[in-house]
Amino acid sequence: MKKFRPSKPELLYTLKNYNKKKFTADLMAGIIVGIVALPLAIAFGIASGVSPEKGILTAIIAGFAISVFGGSRVQIGGPTGAFIIIIYGIIQEYGLTGLAIATALAGLFLILLGVLKLGTIIRYIPYPIIVGFTSGIALTIFSTQVKDLLGLHIEGAVPADFIEKWACYIQNFSTIDLATAMVGILSVVIIALTPLISKKIPGSLVAIIVMTVAGIIMSTHFGIHVDTIGDRFEINPSMPEATVPELSWDNIKGLFAPALTIAVLGAIESLLSATVADGIIGHRHDSNQELIGQGIANVLSPIFGGIPATGAIARTMTNINNGGKTPIAGVIHAAVLLLIYFFLMPYAKYIPMACLAGVLVVVSYNMSGWRTIREMIHNPKSDLTVLILTFVLTVIFDLTIAIEVGLLLACLLCMRRMAETTQVKVLTDEDDIDPTAETDIAKNPNIEHLTIPEDVEVYEINGPYFFGVASKFEEVIANMKARPKVRIIRMRKVPFVDSTGIHNLTTLIKMSKKENIKVILSGMNEYVHEVLEKNGFYELIGEENICPNINVALEKAKQ
């Protein structure tokens, strides 16, 4: 039996047996992951609508906090593609101050989820919803990068609406800049081909180095200029002053929904990443502590001008594949990024925007999950409906609406399936049953024939007795033309009963009393028995009419 461990940061557990061998492995992994994270942090920051240094600061601060306070040994945190659309939308509507408040609120939500031990509840979000909004985000990210990838000359801002955006691209396709398009497309090709040469060298870093050098040569020797980060942003490689965003009730009300979306998406992505890592390293993460770590990271990030962060699957896998053993690797990754930020950040201004667009195109392709969608085509139609609806809502509207509607639809479909699995039937003399199955089937496994006395009806409810099936029971009784003297309701296979089921049962008993029909309940489990007792069924029906099994109930009906 696995020994119980109190919930606290995984770093504290791993430091107990830490040694030079583990540190060497963590050092190498941390350096490599830090280098891999650099181009992604810059690209995610710019695509989200903030300056490139804010993306790196997020990877440094949040990455450090997630490793120090999280519940996974190998999780690497930072900005991710999933947040791009949410962040961009918040900035457009509420500005950078609104983004800081929403991020901090999301961090508090995550901490609360962890403290309340609700880490496992995220697992109950249906898989089709996760696939739907992930693939929707992927398509949206790709759509935002077309202009920079191809160098389209578009006057004014590109429309935010998905359909209008693509209509704008089509109208202005003739303005494509061939040099920019060549840089963007070659970047994609380099990223795709690099793993064939070496899996340890990040293709995005190779593409940025090659295309940056190529851009400088094209500009200085051939007079061909391709837009760079320096053309759009002023690089300032210094640590910003810590600023705590002002939280007022009006701000909280206005940003509650976006903050909740950030928290839910961050929780899903971080726990999904940690779960994938568990399967490889053979160690189970603490989901509640992981949420607390993610929450602390998102509270600290906006204080230093950062954006929302979560666990990143690609960087976590890079950490594992390069020998990372403990959270120290994540701390080293943050330290490497900090050194790069102070000493190499000024050179980032030469990176072509088309190359960053190429990086994000590859990211969106990897996020699309098209293989998973292809496999799910053969799944139940209800799952496919949830996936498609979540995908369409994510693309056409926004992620907040997609998650809300997707969860609502999934819940409705779940209730429908539960209602379909619950059966209500009328037993007859031809039904064979075990009369003691409700109490002690191990002692009496023999099947005996059921004999139902005249003027007695036996109903069996097989499944949860909740609001989704309460009306089904009423319909079965209503369809019975004859009015018996006794009604036996067999509930041996009812795992639970809710308030609607209790109300339905209470109404049936009261109506039966008016018609001089006795009602006997049979074979309830301990939980259902306790619920009915607390709701006054002893007084309503009489304790003697609540029987342990069908045999006792039939004998009672004969009297």
Protein backbone atom coordinates (compact mmCIF):
# COMPACT_ATOMS: atom_id res chain seq x y z
CA MET A 1 0.00 0.00 0.00
CA LYS A 2 1.34 3.41 -0.99
CA LYS A 3 2.37 5.54 1.97
CA PHE A 4 0.27 8.67 2.45
CA ARG A 5 2.13 11.91 1.85
CA PRO A 6 0.90 15.30 3.08
CA SER A 7 0.19 17.77 0.29
CA LYS A 8 3.21 20.05 -0.11
CA PRO A 9 5.48 21.14 -2.97
CA GLU A 10 7.17 18.21 -4.73
CA LEU A 11 10.49 20.07 -4.51
CA LEU A 12 10.57 19.52 -0.74
CA TYR A 13 10.22 15.75 -1.19
CA THR A 14 12.87 15.47 -3.90
CA LEU A 15 15.46 17.51 -1.98
CA LYS A 16 15.57 14.88 0.79
CA ASN A 17 17.52 12.43 -1.37
CA TYR A 18 19.09 14.90 -3.78
CA ASN A 19 22.64 14.20 -4.95
CA LYS A 20 25.29 15.26 -7.45
CA LYS A 21 24.11 12.76 -10.09
CA LYS A 22 20.57 14.14 -10.05
CA PHE A 23 21.86 17.72 -10.12
CA THR A 24 24.00 17.01 -13.20
CA ALA A 25 20.98 15.53 -15.00
CA ASP A 26 18.77 18.47 -13.94
CA LEU A 27 21.43 20.99 -15.01
CA MET A 28 21.70 19.62 -18.55
CA ALA A 29 17.93 19.28 -18.92
CA GLY A 30 17.31 22.77 -17.51
CA ILE A 31 19.77 24.41 -19.92
CA ILE A 32 18.24 22.67 -22.94
CA VAL A 33 14.65 23.41 -21.87
CA GLY A 34 15.57 27.07 -21.27
CA ILE A 35 16.90 27.33 -24.83
CA VAL A 36 13.81 25.58 -26.22
CA ALA A 37 11.50 27.87 -24.24
CA LEU A 38 13.10 31.09 -25.53
CA PRO A 39 11.58 31.30 -29.04
CA LEU A 40 8.22 30.03 -27.80
CA ALA A 41 8.07 32.62 -25.02
CA ILE A 42 8.83 35.42 -27.48
CA ALA A 43 6.32 34.13 -30.03
CA PHE A 44 3.54 33.59 -27.49
CA GLY A 45 4.11 37.03 -25.99
CA ILE A 46 3.90 38.85 -29.32
CA ALA A 47 0.92 36.79 -30.55
CA SER A 48 -0.92 37.57 -27.30
CA GLY A 49 -0.63 41.30 -27.95
CA VAL A 50 2.18 42.15 -25.51
CA SER A 51 5.87 42.90 -26.02
CA PRO A 52 8.36 40.02 -26.47
CA GLU A 53 10.08 40.62 -23.14
CA LYS A 54 6.78 40.07 -21.29
CA GLY A 55 6.62 36.57 -22.77
CA ILE A 56 10.13 35.80 -21.50
CA LEU A 57 9.43 37.36 -18.08
CA THR A 58 6.39 35.10 -17.80
CA ALA A 59 8.50 32.04 -18.58
CA ILE A 60 11.05 33.13 -15.96
CA ILE A 61 8.73 34.08 -13.09
CA ALA A 62 5.91 31.60 -13.65
CA GLY A 63 8.30 28.84 -14.68
CA PHE A 64 10.26 29.30 -11.43
CA ALA A 65 7.10 29.40 -9.26
CA ILE A 66 5.53 26.33 -10.89
CA SER A 67 8.68 24.28 -10.29
CA VAL A 68 9.12 25.49 -6.69
CA PHE A 69 5.50 25.29 -5.53
CA GLY A 70 3.97 22.69 -7.89
CA GLY A 71 3.10 19.05 -7.33
CA SER A 72 4.94 17.47 -10.28
CA ARG A 73 8.59 16.43 -10.45
CA VAL A 74 9.18 17.37 -14.08
CA GLN A 75 6.52 19.94 -15.01
CA ILE A 76 7.82 22.98 -16.92
CA GLY A 77 5.57 26.03 -16.87
CA GLY A 78 5.31 29.21 -18.89
CA PRO A 79 3.15 30.95 -21.49
CA THR A 80 1.37 28.58 -23.88
CA GLY A 81 -0.51 28.79 -27.14
CA ALA A 82 -3.82 27.98 -25.49
CA PHE A 83 -3.90 31.40 -23.81
CA ILE A 84 -3.10 33.50 -26.88
CA ILE A 85 -6.69 34.14 -27.98
CA ILE A 86 -7.97 34.76 -24.44
CA ILE A 87 -5.15 37.21 -23.61
CA TYR A 88 -5.54 39.07 -26.89
CA GLY A 89 -9.29 39.46 -26.35
CA ILE A 90 -8.86 40.70 -22.77
CA ILE A 91 -6.26 43.27 -23.83
CA GLN A 92 -8.52 44.55 -26.62
CA GLU A 93 -11.45 45.03 -24.22
CA TYR A 94 -9.84 45.83 -20.86
CA GLY A 95 -6.25 46.78 -21.64
CA LEU A 96 -3.06 45.56 -19.97
CA THR A 97 -4.37 46.53 -16.53
CA GLY A 98 -7.43 44.35 -17.09
CA LEU A 99 -5.19 41.47 -18.17
CA ALA A 100 -3.12 41.81 -14.98
CA ILE A 101 -6.26 41.73 -12.82
CA ALA A 102 -7.76 38.77 -14.72
CA THR A 103 -4.49 36.82 -14.43
CA ALA A 104 -4.21 37.47 -10.69
CA LEU A 105 -7.86 36.51 -10.18
CA ALA A 106 -7.29 33.30 -12.15
CA GLY A 107 -4.32 32.56 -9.90
CA LEU A 108 -6.50 32.99 -6.80
CA PHE A 109 -9.15 30.68 -8.33
CA LEU A 110 -6.48 28.01 -8.95
CA ILE A 111 -5.13 28.29 -5.41
CA LEU A 112 -8.69 27.95 -4.08
CA LEU A 113 -9.28 24.84 -6.20
CA GLY A 114 -6.11 23.28 -4.81
CA VAL A 115 -6.80 24.22 -1.18
CA LEU A 116 -10.33 22.78 -1.45
CA LYS A 117 -8.85 19.53 -2.85
CA LEU A 118 -10.71 19.88 -6.14
CA GLY A 119 -7.76 18.93 -8.34
CA THR A 120 -9.40 15.71 -9.45
CA ILE A 121 -12.62 17.44 -10.56
CA ILE A 122 -10.88 18.66 -13.73
CA ARG A 123 -10.66 15.04 -14.85
CA TYR A 124 -14.43 14.97 -15.24
CA ILE A 125 -14.43 17.49 -18.09
CA PRO A 126 -15.38 15.38 -21.13
CA TYR A 127 -12.59 14.58 -23.57
CA PRO A 128 -14.56 15.81 -26.65
CA ILE A 129 -14.71 19.29 -25.07
CA ILE A 130 -10.95 19.35 -24.51
CA VAL A 131 -10.29 18.19 -28.09
CA GLY A 132 -12.87 20.63 -29.46
CA PHE A 133 -11.57 23.79 -27.88
CA THR A 134 -7.89 22.79 -28.31
CA SER A 135 -8.34 22.28 -32.05
CA GLY A 136 -10.43 25.47 -32.21
CA ILE A 137 -7.64 27.42 -30.52
CA ALA A 138 -5.15 25.90 -32.97
CA LEU A 139 -7.13 27.11 -35.99
CA THR A 140 -7.57 30.55 -34.42
CA ILE A 141 -3.83 30.86 -33.72
CA PHE A 142 -3.05 29.90 -37.30
CA SER A 143 -5.53 32.50 -38.54
CA THR A 144 -3.82 35.27 -36.57
CA GLN A 145 -0.42 34.47 -38.13
CA VAL A 146 -1.31 34.51 -41.84
CA LYS A 147 -0.61 38.24 -42.25
CA ASP A 148 2.91 38.05 -40.79
CA LEU A 149 3.65 34.67 -42.38
CA LEU A 150 2.96 35.95 -45.91
CA GLY A 151 3.75 39.63 -45.42
CA LEU A 152 0.31 40.82 -46.51
CA HIS A 153 -0.08 44.59 -46.73
CA ILE A 154 -3.39 45.37 -45.02
CA GLU A 155 -4.39 48.92 -44.18
CA GLY A 156 -5.63 49.29 -40.62
CA ALA A 157 -6.12 46.48 -38.13
CA VAL A 158 -7.00 42.97 -39.22
CA PRO A 159 -10.63 42.17 -38.22
CA ALA A 160 -10.96 40.17 -35.03
CA ASP A 161 -13.91 38.09 -36.28
CA PHE A 162 -12.79 34.77 -37.80
CA ILE A 163 -14.89 34.97 -40.98
CA GLU A 164 -14.17 38.66 -41.55
CA LYS A 165 -10.48 38.02 -40.94
CA TRP A 166 -10.29 35.39 -43.70
CA ALA A 167 -12.37 37.55 -46.04
CA CYS A 168 -9.80 40.31 -45.48
CA TYR A 169 -6.92 37.92 -46.21
CA ILE A 170 -8.53 36.76 -49.46
CA GLN A 171 -9.18 40.35 -50.57
CA ASN A 172 -5.57 41.35 -49.90
CA PHE A 173 -3.84 38.17 -51.03
CA SER A 174 -2.40 39.97 -54.04
CA THR A 175 -0.33 42.14 -51.67
CA ILE A 176 1.78 39.18 -50.55
CA ASP A 177 5.47 39.96 -50.02
CA LEU A 178 7.54 37.16 -51.59
CA ALA A 179 10.64 37.69 -49.41
CA THR A 180 8.57 37.61 -46.20
CA ALA A 181 6.60 34.58 -47.38
CA MET A 182 9.86 32.80 -48.20
CA VAL A 183 11.21 33.47 -44.69
CA GLY A 184 7.96 32.27 -43.09
CA ILE A 185 7.62 29.10 -45.16
CA LEU A 186 11.31 28.19 -44.84
CA SER A 187 10.98 28.60 -41.06
CA VAL A 188 8.18 26.04 -41.05
CA VAL A 189 10.26 23.67 -43.20
CA ILE A 190 13.32 24.01 -40.92
CA ILE A 191 11.26 23.32 -37.79
CA ALA A 192 9.69 20.27 -39.44
CA LEU A 193 12.99 18.83 -40.71
CA THR A 194 15.24 19.50 -37.69
CA PRO A 195 13.98 16.45 -35.70
CA LEU A 196 15.09 14.22 -38.60
CA ILE A 197 18.66 15.39 -37.99
CA SER A 198 18.62 15.75 -34.20
CA LYS A 199 15.75 15.40 -31.75
CA LYS A 200 17.64 17.28 -29.02
CA ILE A 201 18.12 20.51 -30.96
CA PRO A 202 14.89 22.57 -30.98
CA GLY A 203 13.78 23.26 -34.54
CA SER A 204 12.25 26.62 -33.56
CA LEU A 205 15.63 27.85 -32.26
CA VAL A 206 17.41 26.66 -35.42
CA ALA A 207 14.81 28.44 -37.57
CA ILE A 208 15.17 31.69 -35.62
CA ILE A 209 18.98 31.67 -35.84
CA VAL A 210 19.07 30.79 -39.55
CA MET A 211 16.29 33.18 -40.57
CA THR A 212 17.66 36.03 -38.45
CA VAL A 213 21.08 35.70 -40.12
CA ALA A 214 19.39 35.38 -43.52
CA GLY A 215 17.28 38.49 -42.83
CA ILE A 216 20.36 40.54 -41.89
CA ILE A 217 22.20 39.41 -45.05
CA MET A 218 19.17 40.17 -47.25
CA SER A 219 18.86 43.64 -45.74
CA THR A 220 22.54 44.66 -45.79
CA HIS A 221 23.67 43.08 -49.08
CA PHE A 222 20.55 42.97 -51.24
CA GLY A 223 18.41 45.80 -49.88
CA ILE A 224 15.51 43.44 -49.16
CA HIS A 225 13.96 44.19 -45.78
CA VAL A 226 11.70 41.81 -43.90
CA ASP A 227 9.78 43.09 -40.85
CA THR A 228 11.52 42.24 -37.57
CA ILE A 229 10.65 42.43 -33.88
CA GLY A 230 12.66 45.67 -33.67
CA ASP A 231 10.39 47.30 -36.29
CA ARG A 232 7.38 46.88 -34.01
CA PHE A 233 8.70 46.74 -30.45
CA GLU A 234 11.26 48.59 -28.38
CA ILE A 235 13.29 45.97 -26.53
CA ASN A 236 13.98 46.83 -22.89
CA PRO A 237 15.88 43.99 -21.14
CA SER A 238 15.43 45.10 -17.55
CA MET A 239 13.35 43.79 -14.68
CA PRO A 240 10.20 45.88 -14.29
CA GLU A 241 9.18 47.21 -10.90
CA ALA A 242 6.77 45.04 -8.98
CA THR A 243 3.26 46.45 -9.28
CA VAL A 244 0.25 44.93 -7.58
CA PRO A 245 -2.90 45.37 -9.71
CA GLU A 246 -5.74 47.17 -7.94
CA LEU A 247 -8.63 44.85 -7.22
CA SER A 248 -11.98 46.61 -6.94
CA TRP A 249 -15.42 45.05 -6.88
CA ASP A 250 -16.25 46.55 -10.31
CA ASN A 251 -13.05 45.08 -11.78
CA ILE A 252 -13.74 41.68 -10.24
CA LYS A 253 -17.30 41.61 -11.62
CA GLY A 254 -16.23 42.66 -15.11
CA LEU A 255 -13.28 40.29 -15.32
CA PHE A 256 -14.76 37.33 -13.42
CA ALA A 257 -15.70 35.34 -16.57
CA PRO A 258 -12.34 35.85 -18.38
CA ALA A 259 -10.44 35.04 -15.18
CA LEU A 260 -12.49 31.87 -14.68
CA THR A 261 -11.77 30.85 -18.28
CA ILE A 262 -8.03 31.35 -17.72
CA ALA A 263 -8.21 29.32 -14.50
CA VAL A 264 -10.17 26.43 -16.05
CA LEU A 265 -7.97 26.27 -19.14
CA GLY A 266 -4.81 26.58 -17.06
CA ALA A 267 -5.95 23.80 -14.72
CA ILE A 268 -6.86 21.50 -17.61
CA GLU A 269 -3.62 22.05 -19.49
CA SER A 270 -1.34 21.81 -16.45
CA LEU A 271 -2.94 18.66 -15.06
CA LEU A 272 -3.06 17.08 -18.52
CA SER A 273 0.65 17.81 -18.95
CA ALA A 274 1.45 16.42 -15.47
CA THR A 275 -0.60 13.28 -16.15
CA VAL A 276 1.22 12.64 -19.43
CA ALA A 277 4.53 13.09 -17.60
CA ASP A 278 3.43 10.63 -14.89
CA GLY A 279 2.97 7.92 -17.50
CA ILE A 280 6.58 8.32 -18.62
CA ILE A 281 8.48 8.80 -15.34
CA GLY A 282 6.32 6.38 -13.33
CA HIS A 283 5.56 8.86 -10.53
CA ARG A 284 2.14 10.26 -9.67
CA HIS A 285 1.84 14.02 -9.27
CA ASP A 286 -0.20 15.77 -6.57
CA SER A 287 -2.97 17.46 -8.56
CA ASN A 288 -4.08 19.74 -5.71
CA GLN A 289 -0.55 20.96 -5.01
CA GLU A 290 -0.01 21.42 -8.73
CA LEU A 291 -3.02 23.74 -8.89
CA ILE A 292 -1.69 25.70 -5.92
CA GLY A 293 1.66 26.05 -7.68
CA GLN A 294 -0.03 27.17 -10.90
CA GLY A 295 -2.11 29.64 -8.90
CA ILE A 296 0.93 31.17 -7.16
CA ALA A 297 2.64 31.49 -10.55
CA ASN A 298 -0.31 33.37 -12.03
CA VAL A 299 -0.53 35.69 -9.02
CA LEU A 300 3.18 36.56 -9.27
CA SER A 301 3.37 36.83 -13.07
CA PRO A 302 1.23 40.00 -13.52
CA ILE A 303 3.03 41.73 -10.63
CA PHE A 304 6.12 41.84 -12.89
CA GLY A 305 4.21 42.52 -16.10
CA GLY A 306 3.80 38.89 -17.15
CA ILE A 307 0.86 37.10 -18.74
CA PRO A 308 -1.05 33.90 -17.77
CA ALA A 309 1.00 30.71 -17.58
CA THR A 310 0.42 27.01 -17.16
CA GLY A 311 2.17 23.67 -17.55
CA ALA A 312 3.52 23.22 -21.07
CA ILE A 313 3.40 19.70 -22.49
CA ALA A 314 6.10 20.22 -25.14
CA ARG A 315 8.60 21.77 -22.72
CA THR A 316 7.79 19.19 -20.04
CA MET A 317 8.45 16.39 -22.54
CA THR A 318 11.72 18.07 -23.53
CA ASN A 319 12.70 18.12 -19.87
CA ILE A 320 11.96 14.40 -19.47
CA ASN A 321 13.68 13.40 -22.70
CA ASN A 322 16.83 15.26 -21.69
CA GLY A 323 17.08 13.62 -18.27
CA GLY A 324 15.29 16.03 -15.92
CA LYS A 325 14.70 14.31 -12.57
CA THR A 326 13.36 16.92 -10.15
CA PRO A 327 11.83 20.43 -10.05
CA ILE A 328 15.39 21.78 -9.89
CA ALA A 329 15.50 21.36 -13.71
CA GLY A 330 12.58 23.80 -13.97
CA VAL A 331 14.36 26.26 -11.69
CA ILE A 332 17.50 26.04 -13.85
CA HIS A 333 15.39 26.56 -17.00
CA ALA A 334 14.10 29.81 -15.47
CA ALA A 335 17.66 30.86 -14.54
CA VAL A 336 18.87 30.21 -18.11
CA LEU A 337 16.06 32.36 -19.50
CA LEU A 338 16.95 35.10 -17.01
CA LEU A 339 20.57 35.15 -18.21
CA ILE A 340 19.43 35.22 -21.85
CA TYR A 341 17.01 38.02 -21.02
CA PHE A 342 19.72 40.26 -19.54
CA PHE A 343 22.57 39.54 -21.96
CA LEU A 344 21.08 38.46 -25.31
CA MET A 345 17.66 40.13 -25.41
CA PRO A 346 18.87 43.20 -27.41
CA TYR A 347 19.64 40.87 -30.34
CA ALA A 348 16.02 39.72 -30.43
CA LYS A 349 15.12 42.86 -32.39
CA TYR A 350 16.67 41.26 -35.51
CA ILE A 351 14.33 38.23 -35.46
CA PRO A 352 11.94 38.33 -38.47
CA MET A 353 8.25 38.46 -37.59
CA ALA A 354 7.61 35.94 -40.39
CA CYS A 355 9.89 33.45 -38.62
CA LEU A 356 7.92 33.80 -35.36
CA ALA A 357 4.74 33.34 -37.38
CA GLY A 358 6.24 30.12 -38.75
CA VAL A 359 6.97 28.95 -35.19
CA LEU A 360 3.33 29.55 -34.22
CA VAL A 361 2.04 27.83 -37.37
CA VAL A 362 3.89 24.68 -36.27
CA VAL A 363 2.57 25.13 -32.73
CA SER A 364 -1.00 25.39 -34.04
CA TYR A 365 -0.50 22.27 -36.19
CA ASN A 366 0.72 20.31 -33.17
CA MET A 367 -2.24 21.59 -31.14
CA SER A 368 -4.82 20.77 -33.82
CA GLY A 369 -5.14 17.11 -32.83
CA TRP A 370 -6.44 16.20 -36.30
CA ARG A 371 -5.47 12.57 -35.78
CA THR A 372 -7.54 12.42 -32.61
CA ILE A 373 -10.51 14.01 -34.39
CA ARG A 374 -10.18 11.47 -37.19
CA GLU A 375 -10.28 8.62 -34.67
CA MET A 376 -13.29 10.12 -32.86
CA ILE A 377 -15.42 10.14 -36.02
CA HIS A 378 -16.40 6.56 -35.17
CA ASN A 379 -17.35 7.47 -31.57
CA PRO A 380 -20.99 7.99 -30.47
CA LYS A 381 -22.71 10.83 -32.32
CA SER A 382 -23.33 12.70 -29.08
CA ASP A 383 -19.55 12.92 -28.40
CA LEU A 384 -18.92 14.08 -31.95
CA THR A 385 -21.67 16.69 -31.59
CA VAL A 386 -20.05 18.10 -28.43
CA LEU A 387 -16.63 18.18 -30.14
CA ILE A 388 -17.89 19.94 -33.28
CA LEU A 389 -20.02 22.44 -31.34
CA THR A 390 -17.13 23.32 -28.99
CA PHE A 391 -14.79 23.68 -31.98
CA VAL A 392 -17.19 25.95 -33.91
CA LEU A 393 -17.98 28.12 -30.87
CA THR A 394 -14.27 28.50 -30.10
CA VAL A 395 -13.50 29.63 -33.63
CA ILE A 396 -16.56 31.76 -34.38
CA PHE A 397 -17.18 33.26 -30.92
CA ASP A 398 -14.67 32.78 -28.10
CA LEU A 399 -13.30 30.20 -25.72
CA THR A 400 -15.42 31.33 -22.75
CA ILE A 401 -18.68 30.66 -24.60
CA ALA A 402 -17.29 27.42 -26.04
CA ILE A 403 -16.40 26.01 -22.62
CA GLU A 404 -19.71 27.09 -21.06
CA VAL A 405 -21.91 25.72 -23.85
CA GLY A 406 -19.75 22.61 -24.29
CA LEU A 407 -19.96 21.75 -20.59
CA LEU A 408 -23.72 22.39 -20.54
CA LEU A 409 -24.30 20.18 -23.57
CA ALA A 410 -22.04 17.45 -22.18
CA CYS A 411 -23.95 17.52 -18.87
CA LEU A 412 -27.29 17.27 -20.69
CA LEU A 413 -26.06 14.35 -22.78
CA CYS A 414 -24.67 12.66 -19.66
CA MET A 415 -28.04 13.01 -17.92
CA ARG A 416 -29.77 11.67 -21.00
CA ARG A 417 -27.50 8.60 -21.00
CA MET A 418 -28.11 8.05 -17.30
CA ALA A 419 -31.84 8.33 -17.89
CA GLU A 420 -31.61 5.83 -20.73
CA THR A 421 -29.73 3.32 -18.57
CA THR A 422 -32.32 3.51 -15.79
CA GLN A 423 -35.16 1.05 -16.42
CA VAL A 424 -38.57 0.96 -14.82
CA LYS A 425 -40.53 -2.24 -15.38
CA VAL A 426 -43.50 -4.15 -14.03
CA LEU A 427 -42.63 -7.63 -12.77
CA THR A 428 -44.92 -10.58 -13.46
CA ASP A 429 -45.19 -14.21 -12.38
CA GLU A 430 -42.93 -15.17 -15.26
CA ASP A 431 -39.98 -13.18 -13.89
CA ASP A 432 -37.31 -15.27 -12.16
CA ILE A 433 -35.51 -13.58 -9.31
CA ASP A 434 -33.47 -14.27 -6.24
CA PRO A 435 -35.67 -13.25 -3.29
CA THR A 436 -32.68 -12.51 -1.01
CA ALA A 437 -30.52 -10.75 -3.60
CA GLU A 438 -31.08 -7.44 -1.86
CA THR A 439 -29.67 -8.60 1.46
CA ASP A 440 -27.23 -11.49 1.18
CA ILE A 441 -26.74 -13.00 -2.25
CA ALA A 442 -23.56 -14.80 -1.20
CA LYS A 443 -25.48 -17.02 1.26
CA ASN A 444 -28.36 -17.78 -1.09
CA PRO A 445 -27.35 -17.67 -4.77
CA ASN A 446 -30.20 -19.95 -5.86
CA ILE A 447 -32.71 -18.52 -8.32
CA GLU A 448 -36.33 -18.92 -7.28
CA HIS A 449 -39.57 -18.26 -9.12
CA LEU A 450 -41.52 -15.15 -8.16
CA THR A 451 -45.21 -15.59 -7.36
CA ILE A 452 -47.13 -12.34 -7.23
CA PRO A 453 -50.43 -12.41 -5.30
CA GLU A 454 -53.60 -11.17 -6.94
CA ASP A 455 -54.22 -7.40 -6.73
CA VAL A 456 -50.50 -6.78 -6.16
CA GLU A 457 -48.26 -4.88 -8.60
CA VAL A 458 -44.47 -5.09 -8.41
CA TYR A 459 -42.40 -2.33 -10.02
CA GLU A 460 -38.62 -2.53 -10.30
CA ILE A 461 -36.40 0.54 -10.74
CA ASN A 462 -33.02 -0.38 -12.17
CA GLY A 463 -30.60 2.55 -12.01
CA PRO A 464 -30.32 6.01 -10.39
CA TYR A 465 -33.68 7.48 -9.36
CA PHE A 466 -33.09 11.13 -10.18
CA PHE A 467 -34.92 13.98 -11.93
CA GLY A 468 -34.05 12.59 -15.34
CA VAL A 469 -36.12 9.41 -14.80
CA ALA A 470 -38.73 10.43 -12.24
CA SER A 471 -41.31 11.08 -14.96
CA LYS A 472 -40.57 7.67 -16.50
CA PHE A 473 -41.81 5.94 -13.34
CA GLU A 474 -44.96 8.06 -13.35
CA GLU A 475 -45.65 7.09 -16.98
CA VAL A 476 -45.30 3.37 -16.23
CA ILE A 477 -47.79 3.58 -13.36
CA ALA A 478 -50.19 5.74 -15.40
CA ASN A 479 -50.22 3.13 -18.18
CA MET A 480 -51.41 0.44 -15.78
CA LYS A 481 -55.17 0.28 -16.29
CA ALA A 482 -56.08 -1.76 -13.20
CA ARG A 483 -55.83 -0.31 -9.71
CA PRO A 484 -54.22 -2.87 -7.32
CA LYS A 485 -54.57 -3.11 -3.57
CA VAL A 486 -50.81 -3.16 -3.02
CA ARG A 487 -47.89 -1.60 -4.91
CA ILE A 488 -44.43 -2.97 -4.24
CA ILE A 489 -41.58 -0.76 -5.46
CA ARG A 490 -38.40 -2.78 -5.73
CA MET A 491 -35.30 -0.58 -5.37
CA ARG A 492 -32.42 -3.04 -4.96
CA LYS A 493 -30.59 -1.60 -8.01
CA VAL A 494 -31.11 2.08 -7.16
CA PRO A 495 -27.65 3.46 -6.15
CA PHE A 496 -28.99 6.88 -5.15
CA VAL A 497 -32.12 9.03 -5.13
CA ASP A 498 -32.25 12.82 -5.48
CA SER A 499 -34.79 15.41 -4.31
CA THR A 500 -36.90 15.03 -7.46
CA GLY A 501 -37.03 11.27 -6.97
CA ILE A 502 -38.03 11.78 -3.32
CA HIS A 503 -40.74 14.23 -4.35
CA ASN A 504 -41.98 11.84 -7.03
CA LEU A 505 -42.08 8.94 -4.57
CA THR A 506 -43.81 11.06 -1.93
CA THR A 507 -46.48 12.14 -4.41
CA LEU A 508 -47.05 8.54 -5.51
CA ILE A 509 -47.51 7.36 -1.89
CA LYS A 510 -49.94 10.19 -1.09
CA MET A 511 -51.97 9.55 -4.28
CA SER A 512 -52.00 5.80 -3.53
CA LYS A 513 -53.32 6.48 -0.01
CA LYS A 514 -56.20 8.47 -1.46
CA GLU A 515 -57.05 5.46 -3.66
CA ASN A 516 -56.66 3.06 -0.68
CA ILE A 517 -53.58 1.44 -2.24
CA LYS A 518 -50.84 0.31 0.12
CA VAL A 519 -47.25 1.02 -0.97
CA ILE A 520 -44.34 -1.20 0.10
CA LEU A 521 -40.68 -0.37 -0.57
CA SER A 522 -38.28 -3.29 -1.07
CA GLY A 523 -34.53 -3.88 -1.07
CA MET A 524 -33.08 -0.40 -0.64
CA ASN A 525 -29.37 -0.05 -0.04
CA GLU A 526 -28.12 1.62 3.13
CA TYR A 527 -27.59 5.03 1.51
CA VAL A 528 -31.06 5.22 -0.09
CA HIS A 529 -32.62 3.90 3.12
CA GLU A 530 -30.91 6.67 5.12
CA VAL A 531 -32.01 9.39 2.67
CA LEU A 532 -35.65 8.26 2.75
CA GLU A 533 -35.59 7.97 6.55
CA LYS A 534 -34.33 11.56 6.89
CA ASN A 535 -37.13 12.70 4.57
CA GLY A 536 -39.84 11.25 6.80
CA PHE A 537 -40.75 8.09 4.88
CA TYR A 538 -41.10 6.09 8.13
CA GLU A 539 -43.95 8.36 9.13
CA LEU A 540 -45.38 8.60 5.61
CA ILE A 541 -45.44 4.92 4.71
CA GLY A 542 -44.95 3.17 8.03
CA GLU A 543 -41.69 1.52 9.08
CA GLU A 544 -43.26 -1.93 8.69
CA ASN A 545 -43.76 -1.26 4.95
CA ILE A 546 -40.07 -0.79 4.26
CA CYS A 547 -38.83 -4.34 3.65
CA PRO A 548 -35.26 -5.68 3.29
CA ASN A 549 -36.03 -7.87 0.24
CA ILE A 550 -38.78 -8.86 -2.19
CA ASN A 551 -39.65 -12.05 -0.32
CA VAL A 552 -40.55 -10.14 2.85
CA ALA A 553 -42.38 -7.54 0.76
CA LEU A 554 -44.55 -10.20 -0.95
CA GLU A 555 -45.40 -11.79 2.40
CA LYS A 556 -46.35 -8.38 3.70
CA ALA A 557 -48.57 -7.83 0.66
CA LYS A 558 -50.47 -11.08 1.31
CA GLN A 559 -51.56 -9.98 4.80
